[in-house]
C-alpha atoms as a PDB file:
ATOM      1  CA  UNK A   1      64.748  78.936 -57.450  1.00  0.00           C
ATOM      2  CA  UNK A   2      61.504  78.617 -55.494  1.00  0.00           C
ATOM      3  CA  UNK A   3      59.447  78.952 -58.672  1.00  0.00           C
ATOM      4  CA  UNK A   4      61.544  76.307 -60.415  1.00  0.00           C
ATOM      5  CA  UNK A   5      61.222  73.968 -57.416  1.00  0.00           C
ATOM      6  CA  UNK A   6      57.464  74.366 -57.309  1.00  0.00           C
ATOM      7  CA  UNK A   7      57.240  73.760 -61.036  1.00  0.00           C
ATOM      8  CA  UNK A   8      59.387  70.656 -60.702  1.00  0.00           C
ATOM      9  CA  UNK A   9      57.140  69.335 -57.929  1.00  0.00           C
ATOM     10  CA  UNK A  10      54.042  69.940 -60.033  1.00  0.00           C
ATOM     11  CA  UNK A  11      55.603  68.171 -63.044  1.00  0.00           C
ATOM     12  CA  UNK A  12      56.680  65.194 -60.915  1.00  0.00           C
ATOM     13  CA  UNK A  13      53.227  64.981 -59.355  1.00  0.00           C
ATOM     14  CA  UNK A  14      51.634  65.011 -62.805  1.00  0.00           C
ATOM     15  CA  UNK A  15      53.893  62.210 -63.972  1.00  0.00           C
ATOM     16  CA  UNK A  16      53.103  60.218 -60.828  1.00  0.00           C
ATOM     17  CA  UNK A  17      49.365  60.613 -61.387  1.00  0.00           C
ATOM     18  CA  UNK A  18      49.738  59.689 -65.043  1.00  0.00           C
ATOM     19  CA  UNK A  19      51.770  56.625 -64.161  1.00  0.00           C
ATOM     20  CA  UNK A  20      49.184  55.568 -61.598  1.00  0.00           C
ATOM     21  CA  UNK A  21      46.398  55.998 -64.145  1.00  0.00           C
ATOM     22  CA  UNK A  22      48.286  53.977 -66.743  1.00  0.00           C
ATOM     23  CA  UNK A  23      48.872  51.197 -64.281  1.00  0.00           C
ATOM     24  CA  UNK A  24      45.175  51.038 -63.413  1.00  0.00           C
ATOM     25  CA  UNK A  25      44.255  51.028 -67.082  1.00  0.00           C
ATOM     26  CA  UNK A  26      46.708  48.201 -67.739  1.00  0.00           C
ATOM     27  CA  UNK A  27      45.384  46.174 -64.768  1.00  0.00           C
ATOM     28  CA  UNK A  28      41.721  46.669 -65.689  1.00  0.00           C
ATOM     29  CA  UNK A  29      41.826  44.467 -68.766  1.00  0.00           C
ATOM     30  CA  UNK A  30      43.572  41.793 -66.713  1.00  0.00           C
ATOM     31  CA  UNK A  31      40.813  41.962 -64.112  1.00  0.00           C
ATOM     32  CA  UNK A  32      38.238  41.891 -66.870  1.00  0.00           C
ATOM     33  CA  UNK A  33      39.920  38.905 -68.474  1.00  0.00           C
ATOM     34  CA  UNK A  34      39.979  37.046 -65.161  1.00  0.00           C
ATOM     35  CA  UNK A  35      36.324  37.804 -64.574  1.00  0.00           C
ATOM     36  CA  UNK A  36      35.469  36.716 -68.101  1.00  0.00           C
ATOM     37  CA  UNK A  37      37.458  33.530 -67.743  1.00  0.00           C
ATOM     38  CA  UNK A  38      35.761  32.695 -64.449  1.00  0.00           C
ATOM     39  CA  UNK A  39      32.336  33.412 -65.909  1.00  0.00           C
ATOM     40  CA  UNK A  40      33.118  31.369 -69.012  1.00  0.00           C
ATOM     41  CA  UNK A  41      34.407  28.473 -66.943  1.00  0.00           C
ATOM     42  CA  UNK A  42      31.334  28.540 -64.724  1.00  0.00           C
ATOM     43  CA  UNK A  43      29.049  28.688 -67.730  1.00  0.00           C
ATOM     44  CA  UNK A  44      30.939  25.873 -69.442  1.00  0.00           C
ATOM     45  CA  UNK A  45      30.848  23.725 -66.319  1.00  0.00           C
ATOM     46  CA  UNK A  46      27.133  24.343 -65.877  1.00  0.00           C
ATOM     47  CA  UNK A  47      26.495  23.542 -69.516  1.00  0.00           C
ATOM     48  CA  UNK A  48      28.629  20.398 -69.346  1.00  0.00           C
ATOM     49  CA  UNK A  49      26.920  19.299 -66.153  1.00  0.00           C
ATOM     50  CA  UNK A  50      23.503  19.906 -67.671  1.00  0.00           C
ATOM     51  CA  UNK A  51      24.467  18.009 -70.812  1.00  0.00           C
ATOM     52  CA  UNK A  52      25.899  15.134 -68.768  1.00  0.00           C
ATOM     53  CA  UNK A  53      22.818  15.018 -66.588  1.00  0.00           C
ATOM     54  CA  UNK A  54      20.558  15.048 -69.636  1.00  0.00           C
ATOM     55  CA  UNK A  55      22.586  12.307 -71.304  1.00  0.00           C
ATOM     56  CA  UNK A  56      22.594  10.202 -68.144  1.00  0.00           C
ATOM     57  CA  UNK A  57      18.871  10.687 -67.702  1.00  0.00           C
ATOM     58  CA  UNK A  58      18.217   9.738 -71.325  1.00  0.00           C
ATOM     59  CA  UNK A  59      20.395   6.642 -71.041  1.00  0.00           C
ATOM     60  CA  UNK A  60      18.754   5.636 -67.788  1.00  0.00           C
ATOM     61  CA  UNK A  61      15.313   6.183 -69.253  1.00  0.00           C
ATOM     62  CA  UNK A  62      16.170   4.129 -72.338  1.00  0.00           C
ATOM     63  CA  UNK A  63      17.590   1.307 -70.221  1.00  0.00           C
ATOM     64  CA  UNK A  64      14.583   1.356 -67.948  1.00  0.00           C
ATOM     65  CA  UNK A  65      12.243   1.373 -70.903  1.00  0.00           C
ATOM     66  CA  UNK A  66      14.123  -1.527 -72.485  1.00  0.00           C
ATOM     67  CA  UNK A  67      13.933  -3.565 -69.313  1.00  0.00           C
ATOM     68  CA  UNK A  68      10.272  -2.793 -68.936  1.00  0.00           C
ATOM     69  CA  UNK A  69       9.600  -3.779 -72.526  1.00  0.00           C
ATOM     70  CA  UNK A  70      11.497  -7.047 -72.142  1.00  0.00           C
ATOM     71  CA  UNK A  71       9.662  -7.852 -68.927  1.00  0.00           C
ATOM     72  CA  UNK A  72       6.338  -7.167 -70.628  1.00  0.00           C
ATOM     73  CA  UNK A  73       6.842  -9.754 -73.416  1.00  0.00           C
ATOM     74  CA  UNK A  74       3.682 -11.840 -73.817  1.00  0.00           C
ATOM     75  CA  UNK A  75       4.564 -15.539 -73.299  1.00  0.00           C
ATOM     76  CA  UNK A  76       1.626 -16.445 -75.549  1.00  0.00           C
ATOM     77  CA  UNK A  77       3.479 -14.969 -78.554  1.00  0.00           C
ATOM     78  CA  UNK A  78       7.165 -15.157 -77.520  1.00  0.00           C
ATOM     79  CA  UNK A  79       9.422 -17.687 -79.313  1.00  0.00           C
ATOM     80  CA  UNK A  80       9.779 -21.152 -77.811  1.00  0.00           C
ATOM     81  CA  UNK A  81      12.867 -21.682 -75.675  1.00  0.00           C
ATOM     82  CA  UNK A  82      14.468 -24.284 -73.453  1.00  0.00           C
ATOM     83  CA  UNK A  83      17.419 -23.368 -71.275  1.00  0.00           C
ATOM     84  CA  UNK A  84      19.384 -24.388 -68.214  1.00  0.00           C
ATOM     85  CA  UNK A  85      20.776 -21.700 -65.913  1.00  0.00           C
ATOM     86  CA  UNK A  86      24.003 -22.795 -64.208  1.00  0.00           C
ATOM     87  CA  UNK A  87      25.920 -20.906 -61.542  1.00  0.00           C
ATOM     88  CA  UNK A  88      29.651 -20.855 -60.830  1.00  0.00           C
ATOM     89  CA  UNK A  89      31.120 -21.767 -57.459  1.00  0.00           C
ATOM     90  CA  UNK A  90      33.001 -18.469 -57.746  1.00  0.00           C
ATOM     91  CA  UNK A  91      30.176 -15.936 -57.249  1.00  0.00           C
ATOM     92  CA  UNK A  92      32.141 -13.280 -59.134  1.00  0.00           C
ATOM     93  CA  UNK A  93      31.783 -15.196 -62.408  1.00  0.00           C
ATOM     94  CA  UNK A  94      27.972 -15.053 -62.387  1.00  0.00           C
ATOM     95  CA  UNK A  95      25.493 -17.392 -64.046  1.00  0.00           C
ATOM     96  CA  UNK A  96      25.548 -19.016 -67.501  1.00  0.00           C
ATOM     97  CA  UNK A  97      22.509 -19.632 -69.728  1.00  0.00           C
ATOM     98  CA  UNK A  98      22.803 -22.863 -71.716  1.00  0.00           C
ATOM     99  CA  UNK A  99      20.145 -22.727 -74.433  1.00  0.00           C
ATOM    100  CA  UNK A 100      18.822 -25.698 -76.427  1.00  0.00           C
ATOM    101  CA  UNK A 101      16.664 -25.894 -79.545  1.00  0.00           C
ATOM    102  CA  UNK A 102      12.959 -26.366 -78.803  1.00  0.00           C
ATOM    103  CA  UNK A 103      12.050 -30.020 -78.153  1.00  0.00           C
ATOM    104  CA  UNK A 104      10.645 -32.237 -80.891  1.00  0.00           C
ATOM    105  CA  UNK A 105       7.195 -33.674 -80.131  1.00  0.00           C
ATOM    106  CA  UNK A 106       7.457 -37.418 -80.744  1.00  0.00           C
ATOM    107  CA  UNK A 107       3.850 -38.041 -79.766  1.00  0.00           C
ATOM    108  CA  UNK A 108       1.152 -36.246 -77.787  1.00  0.00           C
ATOM    109  CA  UNK A 109      -2.454 -36.965 -76.879  1.00  0.00           C
ATOM    110  CA  UNK A 110      -4.569 -34.374 -75.040  1.00  0.00           C
ATOM    111  CA  UNK A 111      -7.587 -32.094 -75.015  1.00  0.00           C
ATOM    112  CA  UNK A 112      -6.338 -28.469 -75.217  1.00  0.00           C
ATOM    113  CA  UNK A 113      -9.386 -27.299 -73.247  1.00  0.00           C
ATOM    114  CA  UNK A 114      -8.507 -29.590 -70.321  1.00  0.00           C
ATOM    115  CA  UNK A 115      -5.116 -31.272 -70.098  1.00  0.00           C
ATOM    116  CA  UNK A 116      -5.979 -33.700 -67.323  1.00  0.00           C
ATOM    117  CA  UNK A 117      -5.009 -37.199 -68.441  1.00  0.00           C
ATOM    118  CA  UNK A 118      -2.748 -35.847 -71.214  1.00  0.00           C
ATOM    119  CA  UNK A 119       0.318 -37.780 -72.331  1.00  0.00           C
ATOM    120  CA  UNK A 120       3.290 -36.672 -74.399  1.00  0.00           C
ATOM    121  CA  UNK A 121       6.806 -37.632 -75.329  1.00  0.00           C
ATOM    122  CA  UNK A 122       9.427 -35.011 -76.185  1.00  0.00           C
ATOM    123  CA  UNK A 123      12.966 -35.259 -77.496  1.00  0.00           C
ATOM    124  CA  UNK A 124      15.770 -32.686 -77.096  1.00  0.00           C
ATOM    125  CA  UNK A 125      18.817 -32.549 -79.373  1.00  0.00           C
ATOM    126  CA  UNK A 126      21.573 -32.003 -76.790  1.00  0.00           C
ATOM    127  CA  UNK A 127      24.068 -31.111 -79.501  1.00  0.00           C
ATOM    128  CA  UNK A 128      22.161 -27.834 -80.130  1.00  0.00           C
ATOM    129  CA  UNK A 129      23.332 -26.388 -76.794  1.00  0.00           C
ATOM    130  CA  UNK A 130      24.733 -22.863 -76.878  1.00  0.00           C
ATOM    131  CA  UNK A 131      26.189 -20.853 -73.999  1.00  0.00           C
ATOM    132  CA  UNK A 132      27.464 -17.969 -76.108  1.00  0.00           C
ATOM    133  CA  UNK A 133      31.116 -19.119 -76.050  1.00  0.00           C
ATOM    134  CA  UNK A 134      32.264 -21.813 -78.498  1.00  0.00           C
ATOM    135  CA  UNK A 135      35.088 -23.056 -76.260  1.00  0.00           C
ATOM    136  CA  UNK A 136      32.685 -23.509 -73.340  1.00  0.00           C
ATOM    137  CA  UNK A 137      30.147 -25.260 -75.591  1.00  0.00           C
ATOM    138  CA  UNK A 138      32.816 -27.771 -76.645  1.00  0.00           C
ATOM    139  CA  UNK A 139      33.701 -28.334 -72.987  1.00  0.00           C
ATOM    140  CA  UNK A 140      30.047 -28.987 -72.062  1.00  0.00           C
ATOM    141  CA  UNK A 141      29.705 -31.472 -74.911  1.00  0.00           C
ATOM    142  CA  UNK A 142      32.759 -33.531 -73.951  1.00  0.00           C
ATOM    143  CA  UNK A 143      32.663 -36.809 -71.916  1.00  0.00           C
ATOM    144  CA  UNK A 144      33.267 -34.958 -68.621  1.00  0.00           C
ATOM    145  CA  UNK A 145      29.854 -33.311 -68.929  1.00  0.00           C
ATOM    146  CA  UNK A 146      27.054 -34.171 -71.366  1.00  0.00           C
ATOM    147  CA  UNK A 147      29.062 -36.494 -73.643  1.00  0.00           C
ATOM    148  CA  UNK A 148      26.907 -35.706 -76.679  1.00  0.00           C
ATOM    149  CA  UNK A 149      28.732 -38.276 -78.837  1.00  0.00           C
ATOM    150  CA  UNK A 150      27.374 -41.037 -76.597  1.00  0.00           C
ATOM    151  CA  UNK A 151      24.132 -39.360 -75.439  1.00  0.00           C
ATOM    152  CA  UNK A 152      22.977 -37.062 -78.271  1.00  0.00           C
ATOM    153  CA  UNK A 153      19.334 -36.986 -77.149  1.00  0.00           C
ATOM    154  CA  UNK A 154      17.471 -36.241 -73.935  1.00  0.00           C
ATOM    155  CA  UNK A 155      13.872 -37.391 -73.587  1.00  0.00           C
ATOM    156  CA  UNK A 156      10.870 -36.372 -71.490  1.00  0.00           C
ATOM    157  CA  UNK A 157       7.735 -38.474 -71.044  1.00  0.00           C
ATOM    158  CA  UNK A 158       4.673 -36.698 -69.622  1.00  0.00           C
ATOM    159  CA  UNK A 159       1.915 -38.588 -67.781  1.00  0.00           C
ATOM    160  CA  UNK A 160      -0.508 -38.284 -64.862  1.00  0.00           C
ATOM    161  CA  UNK A 161      -1.408 -34.671 -65.659  1.00  0.00           C
ATOM    162  CA  UNK A 162      -3.597 -33.073 -62.980  1.00  0.00           C
ATOM    163  CA  UNK A 163      -5.207 -29.656 -62.790  1.00  0.00           C
ATOM    164  CA  UNK A 164      -4.036 -27.458 -59.901  1.00  0.00           C
ATOM    165  CA  UNK A 165      -5.532 -24.070 -60.834  1.00  0.00           C
ATOM    166  CA  UNK A 166      -7.271 -22.090 -63.558  1.00  0.00           C
ATOM    167  CA  UNK A 167      -4.407 -22.532 -66.053  1.00  0.00           C
ATOM    168  CA  UNK A 168      -1.931 -24.520 -63.978  1.00  0.00           C
ATOM    169  CA  UNK A 169      -1.245 -28.244 -63.842  1.00  0.00           C
ATOM    170  CA  UNK A 170       1.203 -30.772 -62.465  1.00  0.00           C
ATOM    171  CA  UNK A 171       2.561 -33.790 -64.316  1.00  0.00           C
ATOM    172  CA  UNK A 172       4.874 -36.715 -63.801  1.00  0.00           C
ATOM    173  CA  UNK A 173       7.815 -35.950 -66.078  1.00  0.00           C
ATOM    174  CA  UNK A 174      10.150 -38.898 -66.619  1.00  0.00           C
ATOM    175  CA  UNK A 175      13.395 -37.311 -67.788  1.00  0.00           C
ATOM    176  CA  UNK A 176      16.323 -39.162 -69.353  1.00  0.00           C
ATOM    177  CA  UNK A 177      19.523 -37.121 -69.559  1.00  0.00           C
ATOM    178  CA  UNK A 178      23.069 -38.449 -70.019  1.00  0.00           C
ATOM    179  CA  UNK A 179      21.742 -42.017 -69.823  1.00  0.00           C
ATOM    180  CA  UNK A 180      20.188 -41.488 -66.374  1.00  0.00           C
ATOM    181  CA  UNK A 181      16.420 -41.482 -65.806  1.00  0.00           C
ATOM    182  CA  UNK A 182      14.578 -39.539 -63.090  1.00  0.00           C
ATOM    183  CA  UNK A 183      10.896 -38.693 -62.542  1.00  0.00           C
ATOM    184  CA  UNK A 184       9.918 -35.183 -61.460  1.00  0.00           C
ATOM    185  CA  UNK A 185       6.627 -33.777 -60.264  1.00  0.00           C
ATOM    186  CA  UNK A 186       6.593 -30.915 -62.753  1.00  0.00           C
ATOM    187  CA  UNK A 187       4.306 -27.878 -62.331  1.00  0.00           C
ATOM    188  CA  UNK A 188       3.456 -25.964 -65.514  1.00  0.00           C
ATOM    189  CA  UNK A 189       1.182 -23.227 -66.801  1.00  0.00           C
ATOM    190  CA  UNK A 190      -0.815 -23.073 -70.038  1.00  0.00           C
ATOM    191  CA  UNK A 191      -0.178 -19.678 -71.655  1.00  0.00           C
ATOM    192  CA  UNK A 192      -2.164 -20.233 -74.871  1.00  0.00           C
ATOM    193  CA  UNK A 193      -3.956 -22.961 -76.792  1.00  0.00           C
ATOM    194  CA  UNK A 194      -5.452 -23.796 -80.184  1.00  0.00           C
ATOM    195  CA  UNK A 195      -7.708 -26.733 -81.204  1.00  0.00           C
ATOM    196  CA  UNK A 196      -4.616 -28.922 -81.750  1.00  0.00           C
ATOM    197  CA  UNK A 197      -1.833 -27.411 -79.608  1.00  0.00           C
ATOM    198  CA  UNK A 198      -0.911 -25.845 -76.273  1.00  0.00           C
ATOM    199  CA  UNK A 199       1.934 -23.581 -75.187  1.00  0.00           C
ATOM    200  CA  UNK A 200       3.203 -24.298 -71.712  1.00  0.00           C
ATOM    201  CA  UNK A 201       5.641 -22.528 -69.427  1.00  0.00           C
ATOM    202  CA  UNK A 202       7.578 -24.255 -66.642  1.00  0.00           C
ATOM    203  CA  UNK A 203      10.530 -24.073 -64.250  1.00  0.00           C
ATOM    204  CA  UNK A 204      12.285 -26.925 -62.479  1.00  0.00           C
ATOM    205  CA  UNK A 205      15.313 -26.976 -60.197  1.00  0.00           C
ATOM    206  CA  UNK A 206      17.482 -30.100 -60.179  1.00  0.00           C
ATOM    207  CA  UNK A 207      21.024 -31.270 -59.552  1.00  0.00           C
ATOM    208  CA  UNK A 208      23.289 -32.135 -62.473  1.00  0.00           C
ATOM    209  CA  UNK A 209      24.957 -34.667 -60.160  1.00  0.00           C
ATOM    210  CA  UNK A 210      21.709 -36.696 -60.204  1.00  0.00           C
ATOM    211  CA  UNK A 211      22.413 -37.284 -63.909  1.00  0.00           C
ATOM    212  CA  UNK A 212      26.156 -37.936 -63.464  1.00  0.00           C
ATOM    213  CA  UNK A 213      27.058 -34.687 -65.225  1.00  0.00           C
ATOM    214  CA  UNK A 214      30.356 -33.130 -64.141  1.00  0.00           C
ATOM    215  CA  UNK A 215      32.054 -33.671 -60.797  1.00  0.00           C
ATOM    216  CA  UNK A 216      30.092 -33.880 -57.531  1.00  0.00           C
ATOM    217  CA  UNK A 217      32.820 -31.790 -55.849  1.00  0.00           C
ATOM    218  CA  UNK A 218      35.702 -29.645 -57.039  1.00  0.00           C
ATOM    219  CA  UNK A 219      33.825 -28.522 -60.168  1.00  0.00           C
ATOM    220  CA  UNK A 220      33.772 -24.883 -61.251  1.00  0.00           C
ATOM    221  CA  UNK A 221      29.956 -25.065 -61.559  1.00  0.00           C
ATOM    222  CA  UNK A 222      27.538 -25.586 -58.684  1.00  0.00           C
ATOM    223  CA  UNK A 223      25.579 -28.869 -58.767  1.00  0.00           C
ATOM    224  CA  UNK A 224      22.217 -27.060 -58.597  1.00  0.00           C
ATOM    225  CA  UNK A 225      20.826 -25.793 -61.906  1.00  0.00           C
ATOM    226  CA  UNK A 226      17.520 -24.331 -63.050  1.00  0.00           C
ATOM    227  CA  UNK A 227      15.559 -25.545 -66.093  1.00  0.00           C
ATOM    228  CA  UNK A 228      13.209 -23.043 -67.758  1.00  0.00           C
ATOM    229  CA  UNK A 229      11.037 -23.603 -70.795  1.00  0.00           C
ATOM    230  CA  UNK A 230       8.318 -22.133 -72.966  1.00  0.00           C
ATOM    231  CA  UNK A 231       7.340 -24.749 -75.524  1.00  0.00           C
ATOM    232  CA  UNK A 232       4.543 -25.554 -77.964  1.00  0.00           C
ATOM    233  CA  UNK A 233       3.157 -29.096 -77.944  1.00  0.00           C
ATOM    234  CA  UNK A 234       1.008 -30.211 -80.872  1.00  0.00           C
ATOM    235  CA  UNK A 235      -1.234 -33.257 -80.864  1.00  0.00           C
ATOM    236  CA  UNK A 236      -0.081 -36.182 -82.995  1.00  0.00           C
END
């Protein structure tokens, strides 16, 4: 009986050891899988982060380059433009650029080498205005604002031009908009010239209320607007 008992103990111990070994072998792949999954996840996250960072950097670089390129445009060769920048009373709506076709030179007399004493008369087709939204354009053209059916043209008469710097001047600009006439002291800069023409750049702040455009109060747009232009004037 003792021999049988000892043999039984040995057999049971062998089975116990075998079972323990099997369990460890079965758990090892699970541990390996977990480790592999963690490593793969970490690698994937790192790769995704790197790719995202690279993409963000590339996009930022492209945007920065684009802005730099736009800012570096030479006004001597850029297209002519004439626009009014209006701002909303509600700051969240931002500003609106109202662009007009370049003015027509009705007459102009000047020396491109020295504009002192120059005179000119320009005409703007108000109906060419564009703000980027057709519905808004129609609203700006109606009688509450510019009333283009009644006042299709705006005019500017330039006189009393005086030199103020190397390429800068001031002029009396008599402006007629919406049937109302005002005279501004207008500073401008000569950006290029030929024997029979000059290109000038200017900015002028004014109030639309001075020209009876829109409501003085309770309007969605602020009264103050900014006029910017880069135009070519040829002698006639």
